[in-house]
Every structure is written in C-alpha cells, then in structure tokens.
Amino acid sequence: MVRTVFHFLSLVALVAAIMAGTLDAIESVSSSAVVMTSLGNHWQNLDVVSLTLAEEAFASYISADAWRWAVAPVLAQPAFGVFLVIALLFWMIGYRRPRFAGRFSA
C-alpha cells in the first residue's frame, strides 16, 4: 500500500516535470533561445501568496538562514530538473527488489 502511494507521488512529480519541460521548450522555440524557468519563478507565477507564506513559516519555525542556505538554491534550479529528481526519489523509496530465487520461491 505504501509503495503504491510513493509510486503515485512519483507519477505526479514526473507529470509536473514533463509539463514544466514542455512549457520551457515552447518558450524556447518561440524566443529562439534556450529558456529554463526556475522552480521559484514557476511558483511565483502560480501563487505569490503561498510562496511568501512558505518563506515566513520556514523562517519562524526553522530559521531564516536555513531558507537562504537550503531552499533558495533549490528554487533557483530549473523546475523540470527539480521535479525529475523528486520523481526519482519517490520511485526509489517505493521500489522493491525482485526476489533472488524468482517469483515462485518459498
């Protein structure tokens, strides 16, 4: 059951990565230059209030310095890359090795 949840989260992150990559590809073709939009830029275009609330909550519960050192560099990365890494991590968490002796072993 838990593996299914992680595989579903991996699928959602993979779809988000494909959508972000497609948007960047369309914008790159239309501007005749390579465009890679950062995760922070996508988040800001989607909902500015939630980005501000996340920063304030992180600063009040953890530390304002931790936001600058941990979260800000991630938000500066291309969105499709971040979502691909998240999809890979969720898939790896939900992965189960095949049994050594095969399917019908005791």
C-alpha atoms as a PDB file:
ATOM      1  CA  MET A   1       0.000   0.000   0.000  1.00  0.00           C
ATOM      2  CA  VAL A   2       2.761   2.454   0.933  1.00  0.00           C
ATOM      3  CA  ARG A   3       4.706   1.548  -2.208  1.00  0.00           C
ATOM      4  CA  THR A   4       1.646   2.421  -4.267  1.00  0.00           C
ATOM      5  CA  VAL A   5       1.428   5.848  -2.640  1.00  0.00           C
ATOM      6  CA  PHE A   6       5.097   6.560  -3.372  1.00  0.00           C
ATOM      7  CA  HIS A   7       4.727   5.344  -6.953  1.00  0.00           C
ATOM      8  CA  PHE A   8       1.705   7.623  -7.388  1.00  0.00           C
ATOM      9  CA  LEU A   9       3.644  10.591  -5.966  1.00  0.00           C
ATOM     10  CA  SER A  10       6.458   9.733  -8.367  1.00  0.00           C
ATOM     11  CA  LEU A  11       3.974   9.773 -11.248  1.00  0.00           C
ATOM     12  CA  VAL A  12       2.613  13.171 -10.183  1.00  0.00           C
ATOM     13  CA  ALA A  13       6.129  14.625  -9.950  1.00  0.00           C
ATOM     14  CA  LEU A  14       7.001  13.141 -13.342  1.00  0.00           C
ATOM     15  CA  VAL A  15       3.917  14.717 -14.927  1.00  0.00           C
ATOM     16  CA  ALA A  16       4.853  18.068 -13.353  1.00  0.00           C
ATOM     17  CA  ALA A  17       8.384  17.711 -14.778  1.00  0.00           C
ATOM     18  CA  ILE A  18       7.030  16.963 -18.247  1.00  0.00           C
ATOM     19  CA  MET A  19       4.667  19.934 -18.077  1.00  0.00           C
ATOM     20  CA  ALA A  20       7.436  22.301 -16.922  1.00  0.00           C
ATOM     21  CA  GLY A  21       9.792  20.978 -19.599  1.00  0.00           C
ATOM     22  CA  THR A  22       7.136  21.349 -22.283  1.00  0.00           C
ATOM     23  CA  LEU A  23       6.424  24.932 -21.259  1.00  0.00           C
ATOM     24  CA  ASP A  24      10.149  25.717 -21.346  1.00  0.00           C
ATOM     25  CA  ALA A  25      10.500  24.053 -24.753  1.00  0.00           C
ATOM     26  CA  ILE A  26       7.589  26.031 -26.197  1.00  0.00           C
ATOM     27  CA  GLU A  27       9.013  29.266 -24.828  1.00  0.00           C
ATOM     28  CA  SER A  28      12.483  28.368 -26.150  1.00  0.00           C
ATOM     29  CA  VAL A  29      11.154  27.773 -29.652  1.00  0.00           C
ATOM     30  CA  SER A  30       9.122  30.964 -29.642  1.00  0.00           C
ATOM     31  CA  SER A  31      12.025  33.115 -28.466  1.00  0.00           C
ATOM     32  CA  SER A  32      14.747  31.278 -30.469  1.00  0.00           C
ATOM     33  CA  ALA A  33      16.856  30.960 -27.315  1.00  0.00           C
ATOM     34  CA  VAL A  34      17.160  28.345 -24.602  1.00  0.00           C
ATOM     35  CA  VAL A  35      14.767  29.124 -21.745  1.00  0.00           C
ATOM     36  CA  MET A  36      14.802  27.215 -18.469  1.00  0.00           C
ATOM     37  CA  THR A  37      12.399  28.663 -15.938  1.00  0.00           C
ATOM     38  CA  SER A  38      13.350  28.195 -12.298  1.00  0.00           C
ATOM     39  CA  LEU A  39      11.126  26.480  -9.770  1.00  0.00           C
ATOM     40  CA  GLY A  40      10.845  29.716  -7.793  1.00  0.00           C
ATOM     41  CA  ASN A  41       9.719  31.575 -10.898  1.00  0.00           C
ATOM     42  CA  HIS A  42       7.042  28.966 -11.627  1.00  0.00           C
ATOM     43  CA  TRP A  43       5.891  29.050  -8.020  1.00  0.00           C
ATOM     44  CA  GLN A  44       5.791  32.847  -8.040  1.00  0.00           C
ATOM     45  CA  ASN A  45       3.748  32.867 -11.259  1.00  0.00           C
ATOM     46  CA  LEU A  46       1.381  30.249  -9.869  1.00  0.00           C
ATOM     47  CA  ASP A  47       0.746  31.733  -6.416  1.00  0.00           C
ATOM     48  CA  VAL A  48       2.766  34.550  -4.872  1.00  0.00           C
ATOM     49  CA  VAL A  49       0.935  34.396  -1.539  1.00  0.00           C
ATOM     50  CA  SER A  50       1.795  30.731  -0.892  1.00  0.00           C
ATOM     51  CA  LEU A  51       5.475  31.368  -1.665  1.00  0.00           C
ATOM     52  CA  THR A  52       5.523  34.234   0.824  1.00  0.00           C
ATOM     53  CA  LEU A  53       3.678  32.173   3.429  1.00  0.00           C
ATOM     54  CA  ALA A  54       6.093  29.267   2.963  1.00  0.00           C
ATOM     55  CA  GLU A  55       9.070  31.569   3.434  1.00  0.00           C
ATOM     56  CA  GLU A  56       7.576  33.150   6.542  1.00  0.00           C
ATOM     57  CA  ALA A  57       6.635  29.773   8.036  1.00  0.00           C
ATOM     58  CA  PHE A  58      10.101  28.398   7.324  1.00  0.00           C
ATOM     59  CA  ALA A  59      11.697  31.459   8.902  1.00  0.00           C
ATOM     60  CA  SER A  60       9.511  31.354  12.012  1.00  0.00           C
ATOM     61  CA  TYR A  61       9.609  27.601  12.674  1.00  0.00           C
ATOM     62  CA  ILE A  62      13.113  26.711  11.495  1.00  0.00           C
ATOM     63  CA  SER A  63      15.365  29.656  10.606  1.00  0.00           C
ATOM     64  CA  ALA A  64      15.615  32.460   8.105  1.00  0.00           C
ATOM     65  CA  ASP A  65      19.217  31.459   7.408  1.00  0.00           C
ATOM     66  CA  ALA A  66      18.107  27.913   6.649  1.00  0.00           C
ATOM     67  CA  TRP A  67      15.772  29.277   3.949  1.00  0.00           C
ATOM     68  CA  ARG A  68      18.675  31.085   2.303  1.00  0.00           C
ATOM     69  CA  TRP A  69      21.050  28.126   2.531  1.00  0.00           C
ATOM     70  CA  ALA A  70      18.683  25.200   1.857  1.00  0.00           C
ATOM     71  CA  VAL A  71      15.554  26.263  -0.001  1.00  0.00           C
ATOM     72  CA  ALA A  72      16.663  29.267  -2.081  1.00  0.00           C
ATOM     73  CA  PRO A  73      19.261  27.278  -4.104  1.00  0.00           C
ATOM     74  CA  VAL A  74      16.613  24.648  -4.899  1.00  0.00           C
ATOM     75  CA  LEU A  75      14.175  27.343  -6.015  1.00  0.00           C
ATOM     76  CA  ALA A  76      16.863  28.717  -8.344  1.00  0.00           C
ATOM     77  CA  GLN A  77      17.168  25.394 -10.231  1.00  0.00           C
ATOM     78  CA  PRO A  78      15.155  24.603 -13.385  1.00  0.00           C
ATOM     79  CA  ALA A  79      11.710  23.350 -12.460  1.00  0.00           C
ATOM     80  CA  PHE A  80      11.774  20.284 -14.695  1.00  0.00           C
ATOM     81  CA  GLY A  81      15.046  19.129 -13.128  1.00  0.00           C
ATOM     82  CA  VAL A  82      13.793  19.518  -9.576  1.00  0.00           C
ATOM     83  CA  PHE A  83      10.612  17.598 -10.365  1.00  0.00           C
ATOM     84  CA  LEU A  84      12.602  14.862 -12.108  1.00  0.00           C
ATOM     85  CA  VAL A  85      14.786  14.434  -9.017  1.00  0.00           C
ATOM     86  CA  ILE A  86      11.706  14.346  -6.777  1.00  0.00           C
ATOM     87  CA  ALA A  87      10.095  11.738  -9.051  1.00  0.00           C
ATOM     88  CA  LEU A  88      13.240   9.615  -8.923  1.00  0.00           C
ATOM     89  CA  LEU A  89      13.432   9.837  -5.127  1.00  0.00           C
ATOM     90  CA  PHE A  90       9.787   8.824  -4.689  1.00  0.00           C
ATOM     91  CA  TRP A  91      10.237   5.939  -7.127  1.00  0.00           C
ATOM     92  CA  MET A  92      13.353   4.758  -5.283  1.00  0.00           C
ATOM     93  CA  ILE A  93      11.538   4.879  -1.947  1.00  0.00           C
ATOM     94  CA  GLY A  94       8.675   2.793  -3.350  1.00  0.00           C
ATOM     95  CA  TYR A  95      10.912   0.332  -5.198  1.00  0.00           C
ATOM     96  CA  ARG A  96      11.065  -3.288  -4.105  1.00  0.00           C
ATOM     97  CA  ARG A  97      13.865  -5.552  -5.214  1.00  0.00           C
ATOM     98  CA  PRO A  98      12.857  -8.707  -7.068  1.00  0.00           C
ATOM     99  CA  ARG A  99      13.313 -11.872  -5.058  1.00  0.00           C
ATOM    100  CA  PHE A 100      16.581 -13.672  -5.565  1.00  0.00           C
ATOM    101  CA  ALA A 101      15.187 -17.115  -6.356  1.00  0.00           C
ATOM    102  CA  GLY A 102      12.378 -15.866  -8.512  1.00  0.00           C
ATOM    103  CA  ARG A 103       8.677 -15.370  -8.279  1.00  0.00           C
ATOM    104  CA  PHE A 104       7.690 -18.816  -7.037  1.00  0.00           C
ATOM    105  CA  SER A 105      10.329 -19.311  -4.341  1.00  0.00           C
ATOM    106  CA  ALA A 106       9.347 -20.112  -0.785  1.00  0.00           C
END
